Amino acid sequence: MKFVIQRVTEASVKVDGKVTGAIEKGFMVLIGIAEEDTYEDADKYVKKLINLRIFSDENDKMNLSLKDVGGQLLMISQFTLCGNCKKGNRPSFTGAKAPLEAEKMYEYIVEKAREEIDVVETGIFGADMKVSLVNDGPVTIIMENL
């Protein structure tokens, strides 16, 4: 599993020209689910995401979590995060979980996040999405191999 987390002042996702999700201050998270990933992994990733302290405190130190600042989440499925570029110039995506199973796990991840965070927006699984964001900092964290 891989989460690419960007601290944002705003972010949105469109499908067919229509906004399916939009947030203000918070995290835009790209989620890649690999074949070997389990629901236990998903639980660990969501817990770490919710408690990740990358917002600035009163001393301008990254010391506050999403919950501490009342932040929002935009969660986007992205199987291409599981791409393997070791051979040739065309990535292989065989390491990504099969779409039906990946969609179930993605929905599980979103529901787990909604148990902790008031505003959790999403894209549409498997759709051609257009994502816009204003990266705050910029701060980008890649979470993998937990």
N, C-alpha and C. Protein backbone atom coordinates (compact mmCIF):
# COMPACT_ATOMS: atom_id res chain seq x y z
N MET A 1 0.86 -1.17 0.00
CA MET A 1 0.00 0.00 0.00
C MET A 1 0.90 1.23 0.00
N LYS A 2 0.41 2.25 -0.67
CA LYS A 2 1.16 3.49 -0.72
C LYS A 2 0.17 4.64 -0.66
N PHE A 3 0.46 5.60 0.23
CA PHE A 3 -0.29 6.85 0.31
C PHE A 3 0.68 7.97 -0.06
N VAL A 4 0.30 8.80 -1.00
CA VAL A 4 1.04 10.03 -1.28
C VAL A 4 0.18 11.15 -0.70
N ILE A 5 0.71 11.79 0.32
CA ILE A 5 -0.04 12.76 1.12
C ILE A 5 0.49 14.15 0.82
N GLN A 6 -0.40 15.03 0.40
CA GLN A 6 0.00 16.42 0.18
C GLN A 6 -0.82 17.31 1.10
N ARG A 7 -0.10 18.11 1.89
CA ARG A 7 -0.77 19.09 2.74
C ARG A 7 -1.23 20.21 1.83
N VAL A 8 -2.53 20.54 1.89
CA VAL A 8 -3.10 21.50 0.95
C VAL A 8 -3.90 22.59 1.66
N THR A 9 -4.02 23.72 0.98
CA THR A 9 -4.94 24.76 1.44
C THR A 9 -6.30 24.58 0.76
N GLU A 10 -6.29 23.86 -0.37
CA GLU A 10 -7.52 23.50 -1.07
C GLU A 10 -7.20 22.41 -2.09
N ALA A 11 -8.19 21.59 -2.40
CA ALA A 11 -8.03 20.55 -3.41
C ALA A 11 -9.40 20.12 -3.89
N SER A 12 -9.44 19.68 -5.15
CA SER A 12 -10.71 19.19 -5.70
C SER A 12 -10.43 18.16 -6.77
N VAL A 13 -11.46 17.38 -7.09
CA VAL A 13 -11.37 16.39 -8.15
C VAL A 13 -12.63 16.47 -8.99
N LYS A 14 -12.42 16.39 -10.31
CA LYS A 14 -13.54 16.42 -11.26
C LYS A 14 -13.55 15.14 -12.08
N VAL A 15 -14.77 14.69 -12.39
CA VAL A 15 -14.98 13.58 -13.32
C VAL A 15 -16.00 14.07 -14.34
N ASP A 16 -15.65 13.97 -15.61
CA ASP A 16 -16.51 14.46 -16.69
C ASP A 16 -16.92 15.91 -16.48
N GLY A 17 -15.99 16.72 -15.99
CA GLY A 17 -16.23 18.14 -15.80
C GLY A 17 -17.01 18.52 -14.56
N LYS A 18 -17.43 17.53 -13.77
CA LYS A 18 -18.21 17.79 -12.56
C LYS A 18 -17.37 17.49 -11.32
N VAL A 19 -17.41 18.41 -10.34
CA VAL A 19 -16.68 18.22 -9.09
C VAL A 19 -17.32 17.08 -8.31
N THR A 20 -16.51 16.06 -7.98
CA THR A 20 -17.01 14.94 -7.16
C THR A 20 -16.54 15.06 -5.71
N GLY A 21 -15.52 15.88 -5.49
CA GLY A 21 -15.02 16.09 -4.14
C GLY A 21 -14.19 17.35 -4.09
N ALA A 22 -14.31 18.09 -2.98
CA ALA A 22 -13.52 19.31 -2.81
C ALA A 22 -13.32 19.55 -1.32
N ILE A 23 -12.12 20.00 -0.96
CA ILE A 23 -11.81 20.29 0.44
C ILE A 23 -11.09 21.63 0.54
N GLU A 24 -11.05 22.12 1.77
CA GLU A 24 -10.21 23.27 2.09
C GLU A 24 -8.98 22.71 2.80
N LYS A 25 -8.50 23.33 3.84
CA LYS A 25 -7.27 22.94 4.53
C LYS A 25 -7.31 21.46 4.93
N GLY A 26 -6.27 20.75 4.55
CA GLY A 26 -6.20 19.34 4.92
C GLY A 26 -5.19 18.57 4.10
N PHE A 27 -5.52 17.31 3.81
CA PHE A 27 -4.66 16.42 3.03
C PHE A 27 -5.37 15.96 1.78
N MET A 28 -4.68 16.01 0.65
CA MET A 28 -5.10 15.32 -0.54
C MET A 28 -4.26 14.06 -0.57
N VAL A 29 -4.90 12.90 -0.61
CA VAL A 29 -4.20 11.62 -0.49
C VAL A 29 -4.46 10.76 -1.72
N LEU A 30 -3.38 10.41 -2.41
CA LEU A 30 -3.45 9.44 -3.50
C LEU A 30 -3.20 8.07 -2.88
N ILE A 31 -4.04 7.09 -3.21
CA ILE A 31 -3.99 5.77 -2.56
C ILE A 31 -3.74 4.69 -3.60
N GLY A 32 -2.62 3.99 -3.45
CA GLY A 32 -2.31 2.84 -4.30
C GLY A 32 -2.42 1.57 -3.48
N ILE A 33 -3.17 0.61 -3.96
CA ILE A 33 -3.40 -0.64 -3.23
C ILE A 33 -2.77 -1.78 -4.02
N ALA A 34 -1.82 -2.46 -3.39
CA ALA A 34 -1.08 -3.55 -4.05
C ALA A 34 -1.73 -4.90 -3.76
N GLU A 35 -1.39 -5.86 -4.59
CA GLU A 35 -1.97 -7.20 -4.50
C GLU A 35 -1.88 -7.80 -3.10
N GLU A 36 -0.77 -7.60 -2.42
CA GLU A 36 -0.54 -8.23 -1.12
C GLU A 36 -1.15 -7.45 0.06
N ASP A 37 -1.73 -6.30 -0.17
CA ASP A 37 -2.26 -5.47 0.91
C ASP A 37 -3.49 -6.09 1.56
N THR A 38 -3.57 -5.90 2.89
CA THR A 38 -4.66 -6.48 3.68
C THR A 38 -5.46 -5.36 4.36
N TYR A 39 -6.59 -5.76 4.94
CA TYR A 39 -7.39 -4.80 5.69
C TYR A 39 -6.67 -4.35 6.95
N GLU A 40 -5.83 -5.20 7.50
CA GLU A 40 -5.01 -4.80 8.64
C GLU A 40 -4.03 -3.71 8.24
N ASP A 41 -3.47 -3.83 7.04
CA ASP A 41 -2.60 -2.77 6.51
C ASP A 41 -3.39 -1.47 6.38
N ALA A 42 -4.59 -1.57 5.84
CA ALA A 42 -5.43 -0.39 5.66
C ALA A 42 -5.67 0.31 7.00
N ASP A 43 -5.96 -0.46 8.04
CA ASP A 43 -6.17 0.12 9.37
C ASP A 43 -4.95 0.89 9.84
N LYS A 44 -3.75 0.31 9.65
CA LYS A 44 -2.51 0.97 10.07
C LYS A 44 -2.30 2.27 9.30
N TYR A 45 -2.53 2.24 8.01
CA TYR A 45 -2.32 3.41 7.18
C TYR A 45 -3.27 4.54 7.56
N VAL A 46 -4.54 4.22 7.77
CA VAL A 46 -5.51 5.25 8.14
C VAL A 46 -5.16 5.85 9.49
N LYS A 47 -4.80 5.00 10.45
CA LYS A 47 -4.43 5.50 11.78
C LYS A 47 -3.22 6.44 11.68
N LYS A 48 -2.22 6.03 10.93
CA LYS A 48 -1.02 6.86 10.76
C LYS A 48 -1.38 8.17 10.05
N LEU A 49 -2.21 8.10 9.01
CA LEU A 49 -2.62 9.29 8.26
C LEU A 49 -3.32 10.30 9.17
N ILE A 50 -4.26 9.84 9.94
CA ILE A 50 -5.06 10.71 10.80
C ILE A 50 -4.18 11.39 11.87
N ASN A 51 -3.17 10.68 12.32
CA ASN A 51 -2.31 11.19 13.40
C ASN A 51 -1.00 11.81 12.92
N LEU A 52 -0.78 11.84 11.61
CA LEU A 52 0.45 12.38 11.04
C LEU A 52 0.56 13.88 11.38
N ARG A 53 1.63 14.25 12.04
CA ARG A 53 1.80 15.63 12.53
C ARG A 53 2.65 16.43 11.54
N ILE A 54 1.98 17.02 10.54
CA ILE A 54 2.71 17.82 9.55
C ILE A 54 2.10 19.21 9.36
N PHE A 55 1.26 19.63 10.31
CA PHE A 55 0.78 21.01 10.32
C PHE A 55 1.57 21.79 11.36
N SER A 56 1.80 23.06 11.09
CA SER A 56 2.63 23.89 11.96
C SER A 56 1.89 24.30 13.23
N ASP A 57 2.62 24.29 14.34
CA ASP A 57 2.08 24.77 15.61
C ASP A 57 2.41 26.26 15.76
N GLU A 58 2.17 26.81 16.96
CA GLU A 58 2.40 28.24 17.19
C GLU A 58 3.88 28.63 17.08
N ASN A 59 4.79 27.64 17.15
CA ASN A 59 6.22 27.90 17.00
C ASN A 59 6.72 27.58 15.60
N ASP A 60 5.80 27.38 14.67
CA ASP A 60 6.10 27.07 13.28
C ASP A 60 6.84 25.74 13.11
N LYS A 61 6.59 24.81 14.02
CA LYS A 61 7.14 23.45 13.92
C LYS A 61 6.04 22.51 13.46
N MET A 62 6.37 21.56 12.60
CA MET A 62 5.39 20.56 12.19
C MET A 62 5.09 19.67 13.38
N ASN A 63 3.98 19.95 14.05
CA ASN A 63 3.70 19.27 15.30
C ASN A 63 2.21 18.97 15.49
N LEU A 64 1.37 19.36 14.52
CA LEU A 64 -0.07 19.19 14.68
C LEU A 64 -0.62 18.23 13.62
N SER A 65 -1.61 17.45 14.03
CA SER A 65 -2.23 16.47 13.14
C SER A 65 -3.45 17.06 12.44
N LEU A 66 -3.98 16.30 11.52
CA LEU A 66 -5.20 16.66 10.81
C LEU A 66 -6.34 16.93 11.80
N LYS A 67 -6.46 16.08 12.79
CA LYS A 67 -7.51 16.26 13.81
C LYS A 67 -7.27 17.52 14.63
N ASP A 68 -6.00 17.80 14.95
CA ASP A 68 -5.67 18.98 15.75
C ASP A 68 -6.11 20.28 15.09
N VAL A 69 -6.03 20.32 13.75
CA VAL A 69 -6.33 21.56 13.03
C VAL A 69 -7.71 21.56 12.38
N GLY A 70 -8.50 20.50 12.64
CA GLY A 70 -9.82 20.40 12.02
C GLY A 70 -9.74 20.28 10.51
N GLY A 71 -8.70 19.59 10.04
CA GLY A 71 -8.46 19.45 8.61
C GLY A 71 -9.42 18.49 7.93
N GLN A 72 -9.43 18.58 6.61
CA GLN A 72 -10.30 17.76 5.77
C GLN A 72 -9.46 16.82 4.92
N LEU A 73 -10.11 15.80 4.35
CA LEU A 73 -9.42 14.82 3.51
C LEU A 73 -10.07 14.74 2.14
N LEU A 74 -9.23 14.67 1.11
CA LEU A 74 -9.66 14.31 -0.24
C LEU A 74 -8.88 13.05 -0.58
N MET A 75 -9.58 11.93 -0.74
CA MET A 75 -8.95 10.63 -0.95
C MET A 75 -9.23 10.15 -2.37
N ILE A 76 -8.14 9.89 -3.12
CA ILE A 76 -8.23 9.53 -4.53
C ILE A 76 -7.55 8.18 -4.75
N SER A 77 -8.27 7.24 -5.36
CA SER A 77 -7.65 5.96 -5.72
C SER A 77 -6.72 6.16 -6.91
N GLN A 78 -5.56 5.51 -6.87
CA GLN A 78 -4.61 5.67 -7.97
C GLN A 78 -3.75 4.42 -8.10
N PHE A 79 -4.19 3.47 -8.94
CA PHE A 79 -3.47 2.21 -9.11
C PHE A 79 -2.08 2.42 -9.68
N THR A 80 -1.84 3.53 -10.37
CA THR A 80 -0.52 3.74 -10.98
C THR A 80 0.58 3.90 -9.94
N LEU A 81 0.21 4.13 -8.68
CA LEU A 81 1.23 4.17 -7.62
C LEU A 81 1.89 2.81 -7.44
N CYS A 82 1.24 1.76 -7.92
CA CYS A 82 1.78 0.40 -7.82
C CYS A 82 2.59 0.04 -9.06
N GLY A 83 2.86 1.00 -9.93
CA GLY A 83 3.61 0.73 -11.15
C GLY A 83 5.06 0.35 -10.85
N ASN A 84 5.56 -0.59 -11.63
CA ASN A 84 6.94 -1.04 -11.50
C ASN A 84 7.68 -0.62 -12.77
N CYS A 85 8.76 0.13 -12.59
CA CYS A 85 9.53 0.67 -13.72
C CYS A 85 10.89 0.01 -13.88
N LYS A 86 11.08 -1.16 -13.26
CA LYS A 86 12.41 -1.79 -13.28
C LYS A 86 12.81 -2.26 -14.67
N LYS A 87 11.87 -2.76 -15.46
CA LYS A 87 12.20 -3.28 -16.79
C LYS A 87 11.61 -2.37 -17.86
N GLY A 88 12.42 -2.00 -18.82
CA GLY A 88 11.93 -1.21 -19.93
C GLY A 88 11.46 0.17 -19.54
N ASN A 89 10.72 0.79 -20.43
CA ASN A 89 10.25 2.16 -20.23
C ASN A 89 8.75 2.26 -20.03
N ARG A 90 8.07 1.13 -20.11
CA ARG A 90 6.63 1.12 -19.89
C ARG A 90 6.36 0.45 -18.55
N PRO A 91 5.77 1.17 -17.61
CA PRO A 91 5.53 0.58 -16.28
C PRO A 91 4.61 -0.64 -16.35
N SER A 92 4.86 -1.56 -15.46
CA SER A 92 4.00 -2.72 -15.29
C SER A 92 3.12 -2.48 -14.07
N PHE A 93 1.85 -2.78 -14.20
CA PHE A 93 0.91 -2.57 -13.10
C PHE A 93 0.39 -3.88 -12.54
N THR A 94 1.10 -4.97 -12.80
CA THR A 94 0.64 -6.28 -12.34
C THR A 94 0.67 -6.40 -10.82
N GLY A 95 1.39 -5.51 -10.14
CA GLY A 95 1.45 -5.55 -8.68
C GLY A 95 0.26 -4.91 -8.00
N ALA A 96 -0.60 -4.25 -8.78
CA ALA A 96 -1.80 -3.61 -8.21
C ALA A 96 -2.85 -4.67 -7.93
N LYS A 97 -3.60 -4.45 -6.87
CA LYS A 97 -4.69 -5.36 -6.53
C LYS A 97 -5.74 -5.32 -7.63
N ALA A 98 -6.38 -6.44 -7.91
CA ALA A 98 -7.43 -6.51 -8.93
C ALA A 98 -8.52 -5.47 -8.62
N PRO A 99 -9.08 -4.86 -9.66
CA PRO A 99 -10.01 -3.74 -9.46
C PRO A 99 -11.15 -3.99 -8.47
N LEU A 100 -11.83 -5.11 -8.54
CA LEU A 100 -12.97 -5.34 -7.63
C LEU A 100 -12.52 -5.38 -6.17
N GLU A 101 -11.42 -6.06 -5.90
CA GLU A 101 -10.90 -6.12 -4.54
C GLU A 101 -10.33 -4.78 -4.10
N ALA A 102 -9.65 -4.10 -5.01
CA ALA A 102 -9.07 -2.79 -4.68
C ALA A 102 -10.17 -1.79 -4.36
N GLU A 103 -11.26 -1.82 -5.10
CA GLU A 103 -12.36 -0.89 -4.84
C GLU A 103 -12.95 -1.13 -3.45
N LYS A 104 -13.12 -2.40 -3.08
CA LYS A 104 -13.64 -2.72 -1.74
C LYS A 104 -12.71 -2.18 -0.66
N MET A 105 -11.40 -2.36 -0.86
CA MET A 105 -10.44 -1.89 0.13
C MET A 105 -10.39 -0.37 0.17
N TYR A 106 -10.47 0.27 -0.98
CA TYR A 106 -10.49 1.73 -1.05
C TYR A 106 -11.71 2.26 -0.28
N GLU A 107 -12.87 1.69 -0.51
CA GLU A 107 -14.09 2.11 0.19
C GLU A 107 -13.94 1.90 1.70
N TYR A 108 -13.30 0.81 2.08
CA TYR A 108 -13.04 0.53 3.50
C TYR A 108 -12.15 1.63 4.09
N ILE A 109 -11.11 2.00 3.38
CA ILE A 109 -10.19 3.05 3.83
C ILE A 109 -10.94 4.37 4.02
N VAL A 110 -11.77 4.71 3.06
CA VAL A 110 -12.56 5.95 3.14
C VAL A 110 -13.49 5.91 4.35
N GLU A 111 -14.17 4.80 4.56
CA GLU A 111 -15.09 4.69 5.70
C GLU A 111 -14.34 4.78 7.03
N LYS A 112 -13.17 4.16 7.12
CA LYS A 112 -12.35 4.25 8.34
C LYS A 112 -11.96 5.70 8.60
N ALA A 113 -11.58 6.43 7.56
CA ALA A 113 -11.22 7.84 7.71
C ALA A 113 -12.43 8.66 8.17
N ARG A 114 -13.60 8.34 7.65
CA ARG A 114 -14.82 9.07 8.02
C ARG A 114 -15.20 8.85 9.48
N GLU A 115 -14.73 7.77 10.07
CA GLU A 115 -14.97 7.54 11.50
C GLU A 115 -14.20 8.54 12.36
N GLU A 116 -13.15 9.14 11.81
CA GLU A 116 -12.26 10.02 12.56
C GLU A 116 -12.31 11.49 12.15
N ILE A 117 -12.61 11.74 10.88
CA ILE A 117 -12.54 13.09 10.31
C ILE A 117 -13.92 13.49 9.79
N ASP A 118 -14.32 14.72 10.09
CA ASP A 118 -15.66 15.18 9.71
C ASP A 118 -15.88 15.28 8.21
N VAL A 119 -14.91 15.83 7.48
CA VAL A 119 -15.06 16.01 6.04
C VAL A 119 -14.07 15.12 5.31
N VAL A 120 -14.61 14.11 4.62
CA VAL A 120 -13.80 13.22 3.79
C VAL A 120 -14.48 13.15 2.43
N GLU A 121 -13.82 13.71 1.43
CA GLU A 121 -14.33 13.73 0.06
C GLU A 121 -13.54 12.73 -0.77
N THR A 122 -14.10 12.34 -1.92
CA THR A 122 -13.44 11.34 -2.76
C THR A 122 -13.60 11.67 -4.24
N GLY A 123 -12.82 10.95 -5.01
CA GLY A 123 -13.03 10.90 -6.45
C GLY A 123 -13.97 9.73 -6.72
N ILE A 124 -13.91 9.19 -7.93
CA ILE A 124 -14.70 8.02 -8.29
C ILE A 124 -13.73 6.93 -8.69
N PHE A 125 -13.80 5.80 -8.02
CA PHE A 125 -12.88 4.70 -8.26
C PHE A 125 -12.89 4.31 -9.74
N GLY A 126 -11.71 4.23 -10.33
CA GLY A 126 -11.57 3.77 -11.70
C GLY A 126 -11.88 4.80 -12.78
N ALA A 127 -12.34 5.97 -12.37
CA ALA A 127 -12.70 7.01 -13.36
C ALA A 127 -11.46 7.78 -13.80
N ASP A 128 -11.59 8.46 -14.94
CA ASP A 128 -10.57 9.39 -15.40
C ASP A 128 -10.83 10.69 -14.64
N MET A 129 -9.95 11.00 -13.69
CA MET A 129 -10.16 12.14 -12.80
C MET A 129 -9.17 13.26 -13.10
N LYS A 130 -9.61 14.46 -12.85
CA LYS A 130 -8.76 15.65 -12.96
C LYS A 130 -8.66 16.23 -11.55
N VAL A 131 -7.45 16.20 -11.00
CA VAL A 131 -7.23 16.63 -9.62
C VAL A 131 -6.52 17.98 -9.63
N SER A 132 -7.04 18.91 -8.84
CA SER A 132 -6.42 20.23 -8.68
C SER A 132 -6.13 20.43 -7.20
N LEU A 133 -5.00 21.08 -6.90
CA LEU A 133 -4.68 21.34 -5.51
C LEU A 133 -3.72 22.48 -5.38
N VAL A 134 -3.71 23.06 -4.18
CA VAL A 134 -2.70 24.05 -3.81
C VAL A 134 -1.93 23.40 -2.67
N ASN A 135 -0.70 22.96 -2.98
CA ASN A 135 0.14 22.30 -1.99
C ASN A 135 0.65 23.36 -1.03
N ASP A 136 0.44 23.14 0.25
CA ASP A 136 0.80 24.08 1.31
C ASP A 136 2.19 23.75 1.82
N GLY A 137 3.15 24.60 1.50
CA GLY A 137 4.51 24.39 2.01
C GLY A 137 5.59 24.56 0.97
N PRO A 138 5.72 23.69 0.01
CA PRO A 138 4.99 22.45 -0.22
C PRO A 138 5.39 21.36 0.76
N VAL A 139 4.41 20.58 1.16
CA VAL A 139 4.65 19.41 2.00
C VAL A 139 4.03 18.21 1.33
N THR A 140 4.87 17.23 1.01
CA THR A 140 4.43 15.98 0.41
C THR A 140 5.13 14.84 1.12
N ILE A 141 4.35 13.88 1.60
CA ILE A 141 4.88 12.71 2.33
C ILE A 141 4.46 11.46 1.59
N ILE A 142 5.39 10.54 1.38
CA ILE A 142 5.07 9.24 0.80
C ILE A 142 5.08 8.23 1.94
N MET A 143 3.93 7.62 2.16
CA MET A 143 3.79 6.63 3.23
C MET A 143 3.71 5.24 2.59
N GLU A 144 4.69 4.39 2.93
CA GLU A 144 4.70 3.02 2.41
C GLU A 144 5.51 2.14 3.34
N ASN A 145 5.32 0.86 3.18
CA ASN A 145 6.07 -0.14 3.97
C ASN A 145 5.90 0.04 5.47
N LEU A 146 4.68 0.30 5.93
CA LEU A 146 4.44 0.44 7.37
C LEU A 146 4.47 -0.92 8.05
